PDB file of N, CA and C in Angstrom:
ATOM      1  N   MET A   1       0.804  -1.198   0.000  1.00  0.00           N
ATOM      2  CA  MET A   1       0.000   0.000   0.000  1.00  0.00           C
ATOM      3  C   MET A   1       0.854   1.273   0.000  1.00  0.00           C
ATOM      4  N   ASN A   2       2.047   1.220   0.626  1.00  0.00           N
ATOM      5  CA  ASN A   2       2.932   2.383   0.632  1.00  0.00           C
ATOM      6  C   ASN A   2       3.838   2.418  -0.588  1.00  0.00           C
ATOM      7  N   GLN A   3       3.708   1.437  -1.470  1.00  0.00           N
ATOM      8  CA  GLN A   3       4.494   1.411  -2.688  1.00  0.00           C
ATOM      9  C   GLN A   3       3.900   2.386  -3.698  1.00  0.00           C
ATOM     10  N   PRO A   4       4.740   3.270  -4.245  1.00  0.00           N
ATOM     11  CA  PRO A   4       4.195   4.170  -5.257  1.00  0.00           C
ATOM     12  C   PRO A   4       3.828   3.391  -6.518  1.00  0.00           C
ATOM     13  N   THR A   5       2.709   3.741  -7.042  1.00  0.00           N
ATOM     14  CA  THR A   5       2.301   3.121  -8.293  1.00  0.00           C
ATOM     15  C   THR A   5       3.013   3.815  -9.422  1.00  0.00           C
ATOM     16  N   LYS A   6       3.080   3.122 -10.533  1.00  0.00           N
ATOM     17  CA  LYS A   6       3.789   3.687 -11.676  1.00  0.00           C
ATOM     18  C   LYS A   6       3.139   5.005 -12.103  1.00  0.00           C
ATOM     19  N   GLY A   7       3.960   6.042 -12.190  1.00  0.00           N
ATOM     20  CA  GLY A   7       3.448   7.337 -12.607  1.00  0.00           C
ATOM     21  C   GLY A   7       3.033   8.231 -11.446  1.00  0.00           C
ATOM     22  N   SER A   8       2.977   7.725 -10.217  1.00  0.00           N
ATOM     23  CA  SER A   8       2.613   8.595  -9.090  1.00  0.00           C
ATOM     24  C   SER A   8       3.867   9.208  -8.502  1.00  0.00           C
ATOM     25  N   HIS A   9       3.698  10.302  -7.824  1.00  0.00           N
ATOM     26  CA  HIS A   9       4.830  11.021  -7.234  1.00  0.00           C
ATOM     27  C   HIS A   9       5.210  10.371  -5.913  1.00  0.00           C
ATOM     28  N   GLU A  10       6.512  10.479  -5.565  1.00  0.00           N
ATOM     29  CA  GLU A  10       7.033   9.878  -4.345  1.00  0.00           C
ATOM     30  C   GLU A  10       6.330  10.413  -3.102  1.00  0.00           C
ATOM     31  N   ILE A  11       5.970  11.676  -3.108  1.00  0.00           N
ATOM     32  CA  ILE A  11       5.358  12.287  -1.938  1.00  0.00           C
ATOM     33  C   ILE A  11       4.010  11.640  -1.595  1.00  0.00           C
ATOM     34  N   LEU A  12       3.355  11.098  -2.595  1.00  0.00           N
ATOM     35  CA  LEU A  12       2.058  10.474  -2.350  1.00  0.00           C
ATOM     36  C   LEU A  12       2.192   9.173  -1.579  1.00  0.00           C
ATOM     37  N   SER A  13       3.410   8.630  -1.516  1.00  0.00           N
ATOM     38  CA  SER A  13       3.610   7.371  -0.809  1.00  0.00           C
ATOM     39  C   SER A  13       4.087   7.573   0.627  1.00  0.00           C
ATOM     40  N   LYS A  14       4.389   8.814   1.017  1.00  0.00           N
ATOM     41  CA  LYS A  14       4.885   9.090   2.369  1.00  0.00           C
ATOM     42  C   LYS A  14       3.725   9.430   3.293  1.00  0.00           C
ATOM     43  N   PRO A  15       3.878   9.032   4.558  1.00  0.00           N
ATOM     44  CA  PRO A  15       2.850   9.428   5.530  1.00  0.00           C
ATOM     45  C   PRO A  15       2.933  10.937   5.807  1.00  0.00           C
ATOM     46  N   LEU A  16       1.811  11.549   6.093  1.00  0.00           N
ATOM     47  CA  LEU A  16       1.745  13.001   6.315  1.00  0.00           C
ATOM     48  C   LEU A  16       2.693  13.473   7.408  1.00  0.00           C
ATOM     49  N   PRO A  17       2.811  12.779   8.571  1.00  0.00           N
ATOM     50  CA  PRO A  17       3.751  13.253   9.596  1.00  0.00           C
ATOM     51  C   PRO A  17       5.196  13.316   9.093  1.00  0.00           C
ATOM     52  N   GLN A  18       5.577  12.374   8.257  1.00  0.00           N
ATOM     53  CA  GLN A  18       6.930  12.389   7.705  1.00  0.00           C
ATOM     54  C   GLN A  18       7.109  13.582   6.764  1.00  0.00           C
ATOM     55  N   ILE A  19       6.121  13.848   5.960  1.00  0.00           N
ATOM     56  CA  ILE A  19       6.172  14.998   5.054  1.00  0.00           C
ATOM     57  C   ILE A  19       6.276  16.287   5.848  1.00  0.00           C
ATOM     58  N   LEU A  20       5.478  16.414   6.899  1.00  0.00           N
ATOM     59  CA  LEU A  20       5.513  17.621   7.728  1.00  0.00           C
ATOM     60  C   LEU A  20       6.852  17.765   8.437  1.00  0.00           C
ATOM     61  N   ASP A  21       7.436  16.639   8.893  1.00  0.00           N
ATOM     62  CA  ASP A  21       8.758  16.691   9.522  1.00  0.00           C
ATOM     63  C   ASP A  21       9.820  17.163   8.528  1.00  0.00           C
ATOM     64  N   GLU A  22       9.728  16.698   7.288  1.00  0.00           N
ATOM     65  CA  GLU A  22      10.678  17.124   6.264  1.00  0.00           C
ATOM     66  C   GLU A  22      10.520  18.609   5.963  1.00  0.00           C
ATOM     67  N   ILE A  23       9.298  19.076   5.904  1.00  0.00           N
ATOM     68  CA  ILE A  23       9.049  20.504   5.664  1.00  0.00           C
ATOM     69  C   ILE A  23       9.595  21.325   6.824  1.00  0.00           C
ATOM     70  N   ASP A  24       9.335  20.868   8.039  1.00  0.00           N
ATOM     71  CA  ASP A  24       9.828  21.569   9.227  1.00  0.00           C
ATOM     72  C   ASP A  24      11.355  21.619   9.219  1.00  0.00           C
ATOM     73  N   GLY A  25      11.983  20.500   8.881  1.00  0.00           N
ATOM     74  CA  GLY A  25      13.446  20.465   8.802  1.00  0.00           C
ATOM     75  C   GLY A  25      13.971  21.431   7.755  1.00  0.00           C
ATOM     76  N   SER A  26      13.281  21.508   6.625  1.00  0.00           N
ATOM     77  CA  SER A  26      13.694  22.434   5.569  1.00  0.00           C
ATOM     78  C   SER A  26      13.576  23.880   6.032  1.00  0.00           C
ATOM     79  N   ILE A  27      12.522  24.173   6.748  1.00  0.00           N
ATOM     80  CA  ILE A  27      12.321  25.535   7.258  1.00  0.00           C
ATOM     81  C   ILE A  27      13.420  25.894   8.244  1.00  0.00           C
ATOM     82  N   ILE A  28      13.745  24.956   9.127  1.00  0.00           N
ATOM     83  CA  ILE A  28      14.795  25.209  10.131  1.00  0.00           C
ATOM     84  C   ILE A  28      16.132  25.442   9.438  1.00  0.00           C
ATOM     85  N   ARG A  29      16.459  24.615   8.429  1.00  0.00           N
ATOM     86  CA  ARG A  29      17.721  24.796   7.703  1.00  0.00           C
ATOM     87  C   ARG A  29      17.732  26.123   6.949  1.00  0.00           C
ATOM     88  N   ALA A  30      16.614  26.499   6.375  1.00  0.00           N
ATOM     89  CA  ALA A  30      16.534  27.773   5.639  1.00  0.00           C
ATOM     90  C   ALA A  30      16.702  28.958   6.591  1.00  0.00           C
ATOM     91  N   GLU A  31      16.079  28.876   7.760  1.00  0.00           N
ATOM     92  CA  GLU A  31      16.221  29.963   8.741  1.00  0.00           C
ATOM     93  C   GLU A  31      17.658  30.073   9.225  1.00  0.00           C
ATOM     94  N   GLN A  32      18.328  28.930   9.428  1.00  0.00           N
ATOM     95  CA  GLN A  32      19.730  28.949   9.860  1.00  0.00           C
ATOM     96  C   GLN A  32      20.619  29.526   8.765  1.00  0.00           C
ATOM     97  N   ALA A  33      20.340  29.146   7.532  1.00  0.00           N
ATOM     98  CA  ALA A  33      21.119  29.674   6.413  1.00  0.00           C
ATOM     99  C   ALA A  33      20.921  31.186   6.291  1.00  0.00           C
ATOM    100  N   ALA A  34      19.703  31.656   6.494  1.00  0.00           N
ATOM    101  CA  ALA A  34      19.432  33.091   6.430  1.00  0.00           C
ATOM    102  C   ALA A  34      20.165  33.825   7.552  1.00  0.00           C
ATOM    103  N   ALA A  35      20.163  33.229   8.746  1.00  0.00           N
ATOM    104  CA  ALA A  35      20.869  33.846   9.874  1.00  0.00           C
ATOM    105  C   ALA A  35      22.371  33.903   9.591  1.00  0.00           C
ATOM    106  N   ASP A  36      22.915  32.825   9.024  1.00  0.00           N
ATOM    107  CA  ASP A  36      24.342  32.808   8.680  1.00  0.00           C
ATOM    108  C   ASP A  36      24.657  33.868   7.625  1.00  0.00           C
ATOM    109  N   ALA A  37      23.773  34.017   6.660  1.00  0.00           N
ATOM    110  CA  ALA A  37      23.983  35.014   5.607  1.00  0.00           C
ATOM    111  C   ALA A  37      23.933  36.424   6.179  1.00  0.00           C
ATOM    112  N   ARG A  38      22.999  36.675   7.103  1.00  0.00           N
ATOM    113  CA  ARG A  38      22.924  38.005   7.729  1.00  0.00           C
ATOM    114  C   ARG A  38      24.192  38.291   8.530  1.00  0.00           C
ATOM    115  N   LYS A  39      24.689  37.278   9.242  1.00  0.00           N
ATOM    116  CA  LYS A  39      25.911  37.451  10.030  1.00  0.00           C
ATOM    117  C   LYS A  39      27.100  37.739   9.113  1.00  0.00           C
ATOM    118  N   ALA A  40      27.200  36.995   8.008  1.00  0.00           N
ATOM    119  CA  ALA A  40      28.297  37.214   7.063  1.00  0.00           C
ATOM    120  C   ALA A  40      28.206  38.605   6.438  1.00  0.00           C
ATOM    121  N   ALA A  41      27.000  39.036   6.128  1.00  0.00           N
ATOM    122  CA  ALA A  41      26.812  40.366   5.544  1.00  0.00           C
ATOM    123  C   ALA A  41      27.230  41.450   6.542  1.00  0.00           C
ATOM    124  N   GLU A  42      26.887  41.272   7.792  1.00  0.00           N
ATOM    125  CA  GLU A  42      27.263  42.244   8.823  1.00  0.00           C
ATOM    126  C   GLU A  42      28.781  42.292   8.982  1.00  0.00           C
ATOM    127  N   GLU A  43      29.414  41.118   8.981  1.00  0.00           N
ATOM    128  CA  GLU A  43      30.877  41.084   9.094  1.00  0.00           C
ATOM    129  C   GLU A  43      31.529  41.754   7.889  1.00  0.00           C
ATOM    130  N   ALA A  44      30.989  41.525   6.703  1.00  0.00           N
ATOM    131  CA  ALA A  44      31.531  42.151   5.497  1.00  0.00           C
ATOM    132  C   ALA A  44      31.345  43.665   5.547  1.00  0.00           C
ATOM    133  N   ARG A  45      30.186  44.114   6.010  1.00  0.00           N
ATOM    134  CA  ARG A  45      29.937  45.552   6.126  1.00  0.00           C
ATOM    135  C   ARG A  45      30.934  46.187   7.093  1.00  0.00           C
ATOM    136  N   ARG A  46      31.116  45.522   8.237  1.00  0.00           N
ATOM    137  CA  ARG A  46      32.039  46.049   9.251  1.00  0.00           C
ATOM    138  C   ARG A  46      33.473  46.095   8.713  1.00  0.00           C
ATOM    139  N   ALA A  47      33.882  45.049   8.005  1.00  0.00           N
ATOM    140  CA  ALA A  47      35.235  45.021   7.431  1.00  0.00           C
ATOM    141  C   ALA A  47      35.390  46.131   6.388  1.00  0.00           C
ATOM    142  N   GLY A  48      34.361  46.360   5.598  1.00  0.00           N
ATOM    143  CA  GLY A  48      34.396  47.431   4.603  1.00  0.00           C
ATOM    144  C   GLY A  48      34.523  48.794   5.257  1.00  0.00           C
ATOM    145  N   GLU A  49      33.786  48.999   6.321  1.00  0.00           N
ATOM    146  CA  GLU A  49      33.860  50.280   7.032  1.00  0.00           C
ATOM    147  C   GLU A  49      35.249  50.493   7.628  1.00  0.00           C
ATOM    148  N   GLU A  50      35.823  49.425   8.206  1.00  0.00           N
ATOM    149  CA  GLU A  50      37.159  49.548   8.793  1.00  0.00           C
ATOM    150  C   GLU A  50      38.200  49.842   7.714  1.00  0.00           C
ATOM    151  N   ALA A  51      38.069  49.195   6.560  1.00  0.00           N
ATOM    152  CA  ALA A  51      39.004  49.447   5.463  1.00  0.00           C
ATOM    153  C   ALA A  51      38.861  50.878   4.963  1.00  0.00           C
ATOM    154  N   ALA A  52      37.636  51.360   4.853  1.00  0.00           N
ATOM    155  CA  ALA A  52      37.410  52.738   4.396  1.00  0.00           C
ATOM    156  C   ALA A  52      37.999  53.736   5.393  1.00  0.00           C
ATOM    157  N   GLU A  53      37.850  53.456   6.671  1.00  0.00           N
ATOM    158  CA  GLU A  53      38.428  54.347   7.691  1.00  0.00           C
ATOM    159  C   GLU A  53      39.947  54.366   7.595  1.00  0.00           C
ATOM    160  N   ALA A  54      40.558  53.215   7.353  1.00  0.00           N
ATOM    161  CA  ALA A  54      42.018  53.154   7.233  1.00  0.00           C
ATOM    162  C   ALA A  54      42.492  53.946   6.016  1.00  0.00           C
ATOM    163  N   VAL A  55      41.773  53.820   4.903  1.00  0.00           N
ATOM    164  CA  VAL A  55      42.131  54.568   3.694  1.00  0.00           C
ATOM    165  C   VAL A  55      41.972  56.063   3.940  1.00  0.00           C
ATOM    166  N   MET A  56      40.888  56.460   4.563  1.00  0.00           N
ATOM    167  CA  MET A  56      40.669  57.884   4.842  1.00  0.00           C
ATOM    168  C   MET A  56      41.762  58.431   5.761  1.00  0.00           C
ATOM    169  N   LYS A  57      42.195  57.633   6.720  1.00  0.00           N
ATOM    170  CA  LYS A  57      43.257  58.072   7.621  1.00  0.00           C
ATOM    171  C   LYS A  57      44.549  58.309   6.835  1.00  0.00           C
ATOM    172  N   LYS A  58      44.854  57.403   5.908  1.00  0.00           N
ATOM    173  CA  LYS A  58      46.061  57.571   5.091  1.00  0.00           C
ATOM    174  C   LYS A  58      45.942  58.798   4.204  1.00  0.00           C
ATOM    175  N   ILE A  59      44.766  59.002   3.626  1.00  0.00           N
ATOM    176  CA  ILE A  59      44.560  60.180   2.768  1.00  0.00           C
ATOM    177  C   ILE A  59      44.719  61.463   3.574  1.00  0.00           C
ATOM    178  N   ARG A  60      44.150  61.486   4.785  1.00  0.00           N
ATOM    179  CA  ARG A  60      44.309  62.675   5.641  1.00  0.00           C
ATOM    180  C   ARG A  60      45.773  62.929   5.953  1.00  0.00           C
ATOM    181  N   ASN A  61      46.529  61.856   6.239  1.00  0.00           N
ATOM    182  CA  ASN A  61      47.954  62.020   6.545  1.00  0.00           C
ATOM    183  C   ASN A  61      48.709  62.584   5.344  1.00  0.00           C
ATOM    184  N   VAL A  62      48.406  62.064   4.154  1.00  0.00           N
ATOM    185  CA  VAL A  62      49.062  62.569   2.941  1.00  0.00           C
ATOM    186  C   VAL A  62      48.679  64.031   2.715  1.00  0.00           C
ATOM    187  N   PHE A  63      47.409  64.357   2.880  1.00  0.00           N
ATOM    188  CA  PHE A  63      46.946  65.736   2.699  1.00  0.00           C
ATOM    189  C   PHE A  63      47.638  66.670   3.690  1.00  0.00           C
ATOM    190  N   ASN A  64      47.697  66.253   4.962  1.00  0.00           N
ATOM    191  CA  ASN A  64      48.354  67.090   5.975  1.00  0.00           C
ATOM    192  C   ASN A  64      49.830  67.290   5.657  1.00  0.00           C
ATOM    193  N   LYS A  65      50.485  66.247   5.148  1.00  0.00           N
ATOM    194  CA  LYS A  65      51.900  66.363   4.772  1.00  0.00           C
ATOM    195  C   LYS A  65      52.042  67.333   3.597  1.00  0.00           C
ATOM    196  N   MET A  66      51.117  67.253   2.643  1.00  0.00           N
ATOM    197  CA  MET A  66      51.151  68.181   1.514  1.00  0.00           C
ATOM    198  C   MET A  66      50.973  69.621   2.001  1.00  0.00           C
ATOM    199  N   VAL A  67      50.060  69.844   2.912  1.00  0.00           N
ATOM    200  CA  VAL A  67      49.827  71.190   3.448  1.00  0.00           C
ATOM    201  C   VAL A  67      51.085  71.706   4.129  1.00  0.00           C
ATOM    202  N   GLU A  68      51.736  70.867   4.907  1.00  0.00           N
ATOM    203  CA  GLU A  68      52.975  71.270   5.582  1.00  0.00           C
ATOM    204  C   GLU A  68      54.054  71.622   4.557  1.00  0.00           C
ATOM    205  N   ASP A  69      54.192  70.764   3.531  1.00  0.00           N
ATOM    206  CA  ASP A  69      55.219  71.015   2.511  1.00  0.00           C
ATOM    207  C   ASP A  69      54.941  72.308   1.753  1.00  0.00           C
ATOM    208  N   ILE A  70      53.690  72.535   1.397  1.00  0.00           N
ATOM    209  CA  ILE A  70      53.328  73.762   0.671  1.00  0.00           C
ATOM    210  C   ILE A  70      53.564  74.991   1.547  1.00  0.00           C
ATOM    211  N   THR A  71      53.157  74.905   2.807  1.00  0.00           N
ATOM    212  CA  THR A  71      53.350  76.019   3.736  1.00  0.00           C
ATOM    213  C   THR A  71      54.837  76.323   3.907  1.00  0.00           C
ATOM    214  N   THR A  72      55.640  75.293   4.059  1.00  0.00           N
ATOM    215  CA  THR A  72      57.089  75.480   4.206  1.00  0.00           C
ATOM    216  C   THR A  72      57.681  76.106   2.946  1.00  0.00           C
ATOM    217  N   GLU A  73      57.260  75.615   1.801  1.00  0.00           N
ATOM    218  CA  GLU A  73      57.770  76.141   0.530  1.00  0.00           C
ATOM    219  C   GLU A  73      57.366  77.602   0.343  1.00  0.00           C
ATOM    220  N   LEU A  74      56.126  77.934   0.666  1.00  0.00           N
ATOM    221  CA  LEU A  74      55.679  79.324   0.549  1.00  0.00           C
ATOM    222  C   LEU A  74      56.449  80.228   1.504  1.00  0.00           C
ATOM    223  N   ALA A  75      56.659  79.744   2.705  1.00  0.00           N
ATOM    224  CA  ALA A  75      57.409  80.546   3.680  1.00  0.00           C
ATOM    225  C   ALA A  75      58.836  80.761   3.201  1.00  0.00           C
ATOM    226  N   THR A  76      59.420  79.775   2.569  1.00  0.00           N
ATOM    227  CA  THR A  76      60.783  79.909   2.047  1.00  0.00           C
ATOM    228  C   THR A  76      60.832  80.957   0.948  1.00  0.00           C
ATOM    229  N   HIS A  77      59.844  80.943   0.062  1.00  0.00           N
ATOM    230  CA  HIS A  77      59.807  81.909  -1.030  1.00  0.00           C
ATOM    231  C   HIS A  77      59.480  83.323  -0.547  1.00  0.00           C
ATOM    232  N   GLU A  78      58.719  83.452   0.502  1.00  0.00           N
ATOM    233  CA  GLU A  78      58.383  84.777   1.024  1.00  0.00           C
ATOM    234  C   GLU A  78      59.595  85.425   1.692  1.00  0.00           C
ATOM    235  N   ASN A  79      60.474  84.618   2.246  1.00  0.00           N
ATOM    236  CA  ASN A  79      61.636  85.156   2.934  1.00  0.00           C
ATOM    237  C   ASN A  79      62.796  85.499   2.005  1.00  0.00           C
ATOM    238  N   LYS A  80      62.728  85.031   0.754  1.00  0.00           N
ATOM    239  CA  LYS A  80      63.806  85.356  -0.209  1.00  0.00           C
ATOM    240  C   LYS A  80      63.579  86.758  -0.756  1.00  0.00           C
ATOM    241  N   PRO A  81      64.634  87.539  -0.872  1.00  0.00           N
ATOM    242  CA  PRO A  81      64.477  88.869  -1.466  1.00  0.00           C
ATOM    243  C   PRO A  81      64.186  88.743  -2.948  1.00  0.00           C
ATOM    244  N   GLN A  82      63.296  89.577  -3.434  1.00  0.00           N
ATOM    245  CA  GLN A  82      62.944  89.576  -4.854  1.00  0.00           C
ATOM    246  C   GLN A  82      63.959  90.397  -5.623  1.00  0.00           C
ATOM    247  N   LYS A  83      64.308  89.961  -6.798  1.00  0.00           N
ATOM    248  CA  LYS A  83      65.312  90.660  -7.613  1.00  0.00           C
ATOM    249  C   LYS A  83      64.659  91.600  -8.554  1.00  0.00           C
TER     250      LYS A  83
END
């Protein structure tokens, strides 16, 4: 009686509690996968923000060094007598 007849689908041969258990298991696995994906996305976002902050810090340092060099150069030229 539990043997599938030719042409019938496998699900028709399973008892309903087994089908519901399989569905429940699938839902649990899907929810866990979604939670893992959200965690990975958060970690990636955080890593991206940290990398952007590091780049901005380097850019600020380069900019500040440029400002110092320009200021020093201008001061040097202002102190030279004009011919």
